[in-house]
C-alpha cells in the first residue's frame, strides 16, 4: 500500500489530532494560541509545569448522592449504584436493591470530551457506554447487554432479568496470558440473583462469538476430533465406491469383449458366422480403449488425490509440514480446544 493510501486509511478509521485545541473554551484557546511552544506544552501537562494536563478534555461526571467518585487526568473511578447513563437508568435508577457497581473510565466522552463550553461554563456528563473511550464496568445487577448495545444472540440480559456482570469496552482489547487462557461457563448451580442454573438447556451456558455485533447467522461450532473422524469415514466410503465402480468396469470389459466377438449360426447348414468386423468390433475396441484411459486410469489418479487429502488434512500431526510441501493443513489446532 502506498504511503498516501496508509494516511487515507488512518484518517478513515477516525484518527484524531494528538492535541485538539478546537475543543477548548474560548478562554483556554486564547491562552493556548498566545503561548509559545514551551507554553503550549506546559498547558498540556508536559515538563515541570504544575498546570493540569489537558484542561479542555475532561468533562466531570454527574454523580448521584452517596457515590464515591474520584476524577483525575481524564480518569474516573466511581463506586455507585448501577446505571447505564443518567441517575434514573439501570437497576440502580429503578430502585432495585443489591445494585452495587464500580465504573472505571479512561477518557469520558472520548473524542468529544471537553471540560468547558466555548463560554467557559463547566461541563458535566453522565456515563456513556457509547462515547467514553475505555471502560471496565463491574455491576452486581445489570442489563449489561443493553448498556453495551450487544446483539441478543442466544441469551440476553434485561432489566426484568438482570445479572451480575463485568463489561469491558475500548477501541481494542487485548487479553494476554504468559501460559494459557480459559473461558469457563456454568461453574455454579445458581447465579448471583439466586436463579437456578439447571442443565435442561445447556445452550444458555455456552460461549458466543459475535463479530460485527450481528447475530443473524449464529451457528454452532464443530468438534474437531469428531469432524476429523466424520471426514475420514466419508473418504473411506468414497474409496469403497471407487472399488465398486472398478469392479463394474472389469465386468463391463468382459461383456464388451464378448460382444465384439459375438457370432451367429448362419442359415447355411448352421455354420458359425464371422464377427462384425465392419462396425461392432471397431466400435467395441474403441469403447474399451476409452474406458481404460478415461475411467480406469483416472480412478487411480482419484485414489491418489483422496490419499493426499487424508494425509494433509486429517492425519498430519500438529499441523506440521506434510508431503509435497503442504504446510499447516491439519484441521485440528495444536493450541485451542472446546467442548
Protein backbone atom coordinates (compact mmCIF):
# COMPACT_ATOMS: atom_id res chain seq x y z
CA UNK A 1 0.00 0.00 0.00
CA UNK A 2 1.40 3.41 -0.94
CA UNK A 3 2.13 5.97 1.76
CA UNK A 4 -0.80 8.17 0.75
CA UNK A 5 -3.09 5.15 0.99
CA UNK A 6 -1.88 4.44 4.51
CA UNK A 7 -2.62 8.02 5.53
CA UNK A 8 -6.06 7.92 3.98
CA UNK A 9 -6.83 4.63 5.72
CA UNK A 10 -5.63 6.04 9.04
CA UNK A 11 -7.84 9.09 8.54
CA UNK A 12 -10.80 6.92 7.53
CA UNK A 13 -10.54 4.99 10.79
CA UNK A 14 -11.06 8.20 12.74
CA UNK A 15 -7.54 9.08 13.87
CA UNK A 16 -7.70 12.29 15.94
CA UNK A 17 -5.28 15.13 16.34
CA UNK A 18 -2.70 14.43 19.01
CA UNK A 19 -3.72 17.72 20.60
CA UNK A 20 -7.05 19.25 19.60
CA UNK A 21 -7.40 22.84 20.83
CA UNK A 22 -10.68 23.19 18.94
CA UNK A 23 -12.40 21.63 21.96
CA UNK A 24 -11.08 24.29 24.32
CA UNK A 25 -13.24 27.04 25.72
CA UNK A 26 -12.65 30.44 24.18
CA UNK A 27 -10.70 31.46 27.30
CA UNK A 28 -8.38 28.43 27.21
CA UNK A 29 -7.93 28.61 23.45
CA UNK A 30 -6.95 32.26 23.61
CA UNK A 31 -4.25 31.40 26.16
CA UNK A 32 -3.18 28.42 24.08
CA UNK A 33 -2.92 30.39 20.82
CA UNK A 34 -0.91 33.16 22.50
CA UNK A 35 1.57 30.75 24.09
CA UNK A 36 4.86 29.70 22.55
CA UNK A 37 5.76 26.04 22.04
CA UNK A 38 7.03 25.69 25.61
CA UNK A 39 3.92 27.36 26.97
CA UNK A 40 1.64 25.12 24.96
CA UNK A 41 3.49 22.08 26.24
CA UNK A 42 3.02 23.36 29.78
CA UNK A 43 -0.71 23.85 29.18
CA UNK A 44 -0.86 20.23 28.12
CA UNK A 45 0.87 18.99 31.25
CA UNK A 46 4.36 18.40 29.93
CA UNK A 47 7.63 19.44 31.53
CA UNK A 48 7.78 20.80 35.07
CA UNK A 49 4.57 22.80 34.84
CA UNK A 50 2.06 22.43 37.65
CA UNK A 51 -0.81 23.03 35.22
CA UNK A 52 -3.44 20.35 34.95
CA UNK A 53 -2.85 18.25 31.84
CA UNK A 54 -5.33 18.77 29.00
CA UNK A 55 -7.63 21.25 30.77
CA UNK A 56 -10.11 21.08 27.88
CA UNK A 57 -10.87 17.37 27.50
CA UNK A 58 -12.01 16.23 30.94
CA UNK A 59 -15.76 16.65 31.49
CA UNK A 60 -16.86 15.95 35.03
CA UNK A 61 -19.14 13.07 35.96
CA UNK A 62 -22.70 13.71 37.08
CA UNK A 63 -22.81 11.85 40.39
CA UNK A 64 -25.68 10.55 42.48
CA UNK A 65 -25.77 11.41 46.17
CA UNK A 66 -23.79 8.77 48.04
CA UNK A 67 -21.48 7.89 45.13
CA UNK A 68 -17.76 7.63 45.85
CA UNK A 69 -16.15 9.45 42.93
CA UNK A 70 -12.52 10.07 42.09
CA UNK A 71 -11.56 12.06 38.98
CA UNK A 72 -8.07 12.94 37.80
CA UNK A 73 -6.21 13.30 34.49
CA UNK A 74 -9.23 12.26 32.45
CA UNK A 75 -9.81 9.13 34.53
CA UNK A 76 -12.86 8.28 36.61
CA UNK A 77 -13.29 5.73 39.38
CA UNK A 78 -16.86 5.63 40.60
CA UNK A 79 -18.35 3.40 43.29
CA UNK A 80 -22.05 3.81 42.70
CA UNK A 81 -25.42 2.20 42.13
CA UNK A 82 -25.84 0.51 38.77
CA UNK A 83 -26.64 2.90 35.92
CA UNK A 84 -26.44 2.93 32.14
CA UNK A 85 -26.42 6.72 31.74
CA UNK A 86 -28.38 9.17 33.92
CA UNK A 87 -29.16 8.56 37.58
CA UNK A 88 -32.60 7.21 36.67
CA UNK A 89 -31.26 4.46 34.43
CA UNK A 90 -30.16 0.92 35.13
CA UNK A 91 -31.14 -1.23 38.07
CA UNK A 92 -29.96 1.46 40.47
CA UNK A 93 -32.09 4.11 38.81
CA UNK A 94 -35.17 1.89 39.00
CA UNK A 95 -34.65 1.49 42.76
CA UNK A 96 -33.72 -2.19 42.74
CA UNK A 97 -31.78 -3.46 45.73
CA UNK A 98 -28.38 -5.13 45.55
CA UNK A 99 -27.32 -2.96 42.61
CA UNK A 100 -23.75 -2.02 43.53
CA UNK A 101 -21.41 -1.06 40.69
CA UNK A 102 -17.86 0.07 40.06
CA UNK A 103 -17.21 2.14 36.93
CA UNK A 104 -13.64 2.62 35.70
CA UNK A 105 -13.34 5.03 32.77
CA UNK A 106 -10.40 6.49 30.89
CA UNK A 107 -11.42 9.34 28.61
CA UNK A 108 -15.04 10.30 29.36
CA UNK A 109 -16.86 11.18 26.11
CA UNK A 110 -13.79 10.12 24.11
CA UNK A 111 -13.08 12.40 21.15
CA UNK A 112 -15.94 14.69 22.20
CA UNK A 113 -14.58 15.18 25.70
CA UNK A 114 -14.10 18.75 26.90
CA UNK A 115 -14.31 20.37 30.30
CA UNK A 116 -15.90 23.69 29.36
CA UNK A 117 -18.20 25.16 26.77
CA UNK A 118 -16.96 27.90 24.45
CA UNK A 119 -18.31 30.36 27.01
CA UNK A 120 -16.16 28.69 29.68
CA UNK A 121 -19.03 27.01 31.53
CA UNK A 122 -18.07 23.74 33.19
CA UNK A 123 -19.47 20.60 31.54
CA UNK A 124 -20.75 17.61 33.48
CA UNK A 125 -21.76 14.39 31.74
CA UNK A 126 -23.43 11.10 32.53
CA UNK A 127 -21.69 7.80 31.76
CA UNK A 128 -21.77 6.94 28.06
CA UNK A 129 -21.12 3.34 27.10
CA UNK A 130 -21.06 4.59 23.50
CA UNK A 131 -18.69 7.56 23.66
CA UNK A 132 -16.46 7.02 26.71
CA UNK A 133 -13.08 5.94 25.34
CA UNK A 134 -12.33 2.92 27.53
CA UNK A 135 -14.30 1.31 30.34
CA UNK A 136 -14.28 -1.57 32.79
CA UNK A 137 -17.73 -1.83 34.35
CA UNK A 138 -18.48 -4.12 37.29
CA UNK A 139 -22.05 -4.47 38.46
CA UNK A 140 -23.87 -6.60 41.00
CA UNK A 141 -27.03 -6.42 38.90
CA UNK A 142 -27.17 -5.02 35.36
CA UNK A 143 -28.78 -5.31 31.96
CA UNK A 144 -25.28 -5.31 30.55
CA UNK A 145 -26.24 -6.36 27.01
CA UNK A 146 -28.45 -3.28 26.70
CA UNK A 147 -25.79 -0.99 28.19
CA UNK A 148 -23.26 -2.17 25.61
CA UNK A 149 -25.85 -2.41 22.81
CA UNK A 150 -24.95 -6.04 22.18
CA UNK A 151 -26.92 -8.21 19.77
CA UNK A 152 -29.27 -10.55 21.62
CA UNK A 153 -27.74 -13.81 20.39
CA UNK A 154 -28.87 -16.96 22.18
CA UNK A 155 -29.31 -15.47 25.64
CA UNK A 156 -29.61 -11.81 26.63
CA UNK A 157 -29.99 -9.82 29.84
CA UNK A 158 -32.85 -7.40 30.57
CA UNK A 159 -34.00 -5.10 33.36
CA UNK A 160 -36.52 -7.78 34.28
CA UNK A 161 -33.78 -10.39 34.32
CA UNK A 162 -30.53 -8.59 35.23
CA UNK A 163 -27.32 -10.40 36.05
CA UNK A 164 -24.10 -9.58 37.85
CA UNK A 165 -21.75 -8.53 35.09
CA UNK A 166 -18.32 -7.34 34.09
CA UNK A 167 -18.29 -5.32 30.89
CA UNK A 168 -15.13 -4.23 29.10
CA UNK A 169 -15.20 -1.83 26.17
CA UNK A 170 -12.48 0.02 24.27
CA UNK A 171 -11.32 0.50 20.70
CA UNK A 172 -9.20 -2.61 21.01
CA UNK A 173 -8.95 -5.16 23.82
CA UNK A 174 -6.03 -7.47 24.47
CA UNK A 175 -6.07 -10.39 26.90
CA UNK A 176 -2.56 -11.71 27.31
CA UNK A 177 -1.55 -14.79 29.27
CA UNK A 178 2.00 -15.99 29.75
CA UNK A 179 0.69 -19.54 29.81
CA UNK A 180 -2.96 -20.05 28.86
CA UNK A 181 -6.44 -18.54 28.89
CA UNK A 182 -9.55 -20.40 29.96
CA UNK A 183 -13.08 -19.23 29.13
CA UNK A 184 -15.25 -21.22 31.51
CA UNK A 185 -19.02 -21.15 31.97
CA UNK A 186 -21.59 -22.76 34.28
CA UNK A 187 -19.39 -23.24 37.33
CA UNK A 188 -22.21 -22.92 39.88
CA UNK A 189 -25.71 -24.27 40.39
CA UNK A 190 -27.15 -20.77 40.97
CA UNK A 191 -26.41 -17.28 39.65
CA UNK A 192 -25.83 -14.24 41.87
CA UNK A 193 -29.54 -13.40 41.82
CA UNK A 194 -30.44 -16.81 43.25
CA UNK A 195 -31.68 -18.19 39.95
CA UNK A 196 -31.28 -21.92 39.42
CA UNK A 197 -28.92 -22.86 36.62
CA UNK A 198 -30.43 -26.13 35.52
CA UNK A 199 -28.89 -28.41 32.96
CA UNK A 200 -32.11 -28.76 30.96
CA UNK A 201 -30.90 -26.47 28.19
CA UNK A 202 -27.14 -26.16 28.23
CA UNK A 203 -27.09 -23.76 25.26
CA UNK A 204 -27.71 -20.92 27.72
CA UNK A 205 -24.27 -21.50 29.23
CA UNK A 206 -22.17 -21.52 26.09
CA UNK A 207 -19.63 -19.08 24.71
CA UNK A 208 -20.86 -16.89 21.87
CA UNK A 209 -18.51 -15.26 19.35
CA UNK A 210 -20.45 -12.48 17.62
CA UNK A 211 -18.40 -10.47 15.12
CA UNK A 212 -19.75 -7.14 13.83
CA UNK A 213 -22.48 -7.31 16.52
CA UNK A 214 -24.51 -9.36 14.03
CA UNK A 215 -26.36 -12.36 15.46
CA UNK A 216 -28.41 -13.09 12.32
CA UNK A 217 -26.40 -16.17 11.38
CA UNK A 218 -25.03 -17.63 14.60
CA UNK A 219 -24.18 -21.30 14.18
CA UNK A 220 -22.76 -23.97 16.48
CA UNK A 221 -19.04 -24.65 16.48
CA UNK A 222 -17.83 -28.06 15.38
CA UNK A 223 -15.84 -30.50 17.47
CA UNK A 224 -12.56 -31.04 15.69
CA UNK A 225 -11.95 -34.68 16.60
CA UNK A 226 -15.49 -35.68 15.67
CA UNK A 227 -15.20 -33.78 12.38
CA UNK A 228 -11.87 -35.49 11.69
CA UNK A 229 -13.48 -38.91 12.23
CA UNK A 230 -16.51 -37.97 10.10
CA UNK A 231 -14.39 -36.79 7.19
CA UNK A 232 -12.23 -39.90 7.50
CA UNK A 233 -15.31 -42.11 7.23
CA UNK A 234 -16.54 -40.13 4.21
CA UNK A 235 -13.19 -40.70 2.50
CA UNK A 236 -13.37 -44.41 3.31
CA UNK A 237 -16.86 -44.58 1.79
CA UNK A 238 -15.68 -42.77 -1.34
CA UNK A 239 -12.83 -45.26 -1.64
CA UNK A 240 -15.32 -48.13 -1.27
CA UNK A 241 -17.44 -46.64 -4.06
CA UNK A 242 -14.34 -46.36 -6.21
CA UNK A 243 -13.60 -50.06 -5.72
CA UNK A 244 -17.21 -50.98 -6.54
CA UNK A 245 -17.04 -48.91 -9.71
CA UNK A 246 -13.72 -50.52 -10.61
CA UNK A 247 -15.35 -53.96 -10.24
CA UNK A 248 -18.13 -52.79 -12.53
CA UNK A 249 -15.59 -51.65 -15.14
CA UNK A 250 -13.90 -55.09 -15.07
CA UNK A 251 -17.20 -56.90 -15.58
CA UNK A 252 -18.26 -54.43 -18.26
CA UNK A 253 -14.97 -55.03 -20.11
CA UNK A 254 -15.65 -58.77 -20.14
CA UNK A 255 -19.11 -58.11 -21.57
CA UNK A 256 -17.72 -55.78 -24.25
CA UNK A 257 -15.11 -58.36 -25.24
CA UNK A 258 -17.82 -60.99 -25.56
CA UNK A 259 -19.98 -58.70 -27.67
CA UNK A 260 -17.30 -57.73 -30.18
CA UNK A 261 -16.54 -61.42 -30.76
CA UNK A 262 -20.21 -62.24 -30.96
CA UNK A 263 -21.27 -64.57 -33.84
CA UNK A 264 -24.45 -66.26 -35.03
CA UNK A 265 -25.20 -69.54 -36.80
CA UNK A 266 -25.90 -68.98 -40.45
CA UNK A 267 -28.85 -70.49 -42.33
CA UNK A 268 -26.32 -72.38 -44.40
CA UNK A 269 -26.03 -75.68 -42.63
CA UNK A 270 -25.85 -73.95 -39.19
CA UNK A 271 -22.28 -72.82 -39.63
CA UNK A 272 -20.97 -70.02 -37.38
CA UNK A 273 -20.76 -66.56 -38.92
CA UNK A 274 -17.75 -64.33 -38.58
CA UNK A 275 -17.75 -61.40 -36.08
CA UNK A 276 -18.92 -57.98 -37.23
CA UNK A 277 -15.58 -56.58 -38.42
CA UNK A 278 -17.22 -53.56 -40.03
CA UNK A 279 -19.00 -51.84 -37.11
CA UNK A 280 -19.30 -53.78 -33.84
CA UNK A 281 -15.68 -54.86 -33.46
CA UNK A 282 -14.01 -51.47 -34.20
CA UNK A 283 -16.59 -49.60 -32.13
CA UNK A 284 -16.24 -52.09 -29.27
CA UNK A 285 -12.45 -51.84 -29.28
CA UNK A 286 -12.69 -48.03 -29.23
CA UNK A 287 -15.06 -48.18 -26.25
CA UNK A 288 -12.69 -50.49 -24.36
CA UNK A 289 -9.73 -48.16 -25.00
CA UNK A 290 -11.76 -45.13 -23.86
CA UNK A 291 -12.84 -46.90 -20.66
CA UNK A 292 -9.23 -47.79 -19.93
CA UNK A 293 -7.86 -44.28 -20.45
CA UNK A 294 -10.79 -42.17 -19.28
CA UNK A 295 -12.08 -44.30 -16.42
CA UNK A 296 -9.71 -46.94 -15.03
CA UNK A 297 -6.58 -44.82 -15.17
CA UNK A 298 -8.49 -41.83 -13.74
CA UNK A 299 -9.67 -43.98 -10.83
CA UNK A 300 -6.02 -44.40 -9.82
CA UNK A 301 -5.50 -40.64 -10.00
CA UNK A 302 -8.61 -40.09 -7.91
CA UNK A 303 -7.32 -42.54 -5.30
CA UNK A 304 -4.05 -40.59 -5.05
CA UNK A 305 -5.97 -37.33 -4.54
CA UNK A 306 -8.09 -38.83 -1.76
CA UNK A 307 -4.98 -40.20 -0.06
CA UNK A 308 -3.42 -36.74 -0.28
CA UNK A 309 -6.48 -35.12 1.34
CA UNK A 310 -6.45 -37.65 4.15
CA UNK A 311 -2.73 -37.25 4.76
CA UNK A 312 -2.53 -33.46 4.57
CA UNK A 313 -5.73 -32.52 6.40
CA UNK A 314 -6.70 -35.42 8.62
CA UNK A 315 -3.51 -37.21 9.63
CA UNK A 316 -0.70 -34.66 9.68
CA UNK A 317 0.12 -34.33 13.40
CA UNK A 318 0.03 -30.84 14.85
CA UNK A 319 -0.13 -29.06 11.51
CA UNK A 320 3.48 -29.95 10.70
CA UNK A 321 4.80 -29.99 7.16
CA UNK A 322 3.17 -32.68 5.08
CA UNK A 323 4.30 -34.36 1.91
CA UNK A 324 4.56 -32.35 -1.31
CA UNK A 325 5.28 -29.18 0.67
CA UNK A 326 1.78 -28.86 2.14
CA UNK A 327 2.38 -26.88 5.35
CA UNK A 328 -0.03 -26.44 8.24
CA UNK A 329 -3.12 -28.00 6.64
CA UNK A 330 -4.01 -30.30 9.55
CA UNK A 331 -7.56 -29.37 10.56
CA UNK A 332 -7.04 -29.75 14.33
CA UNK A 333 -5.47 -26.83 16.20
CA UNK A 334 -2.31 -27.51 18.15
CA UNK A 335 -3.42 -24.99 20.78
CA UNK A 336 -7.16 -24.46 21.11
CA UNK A 337 -9.87 -26.84 22.27
CA UNK A 338 -13.60 -26.56 23.02
CA UNK A 339 -16.48 -28.72 24.15
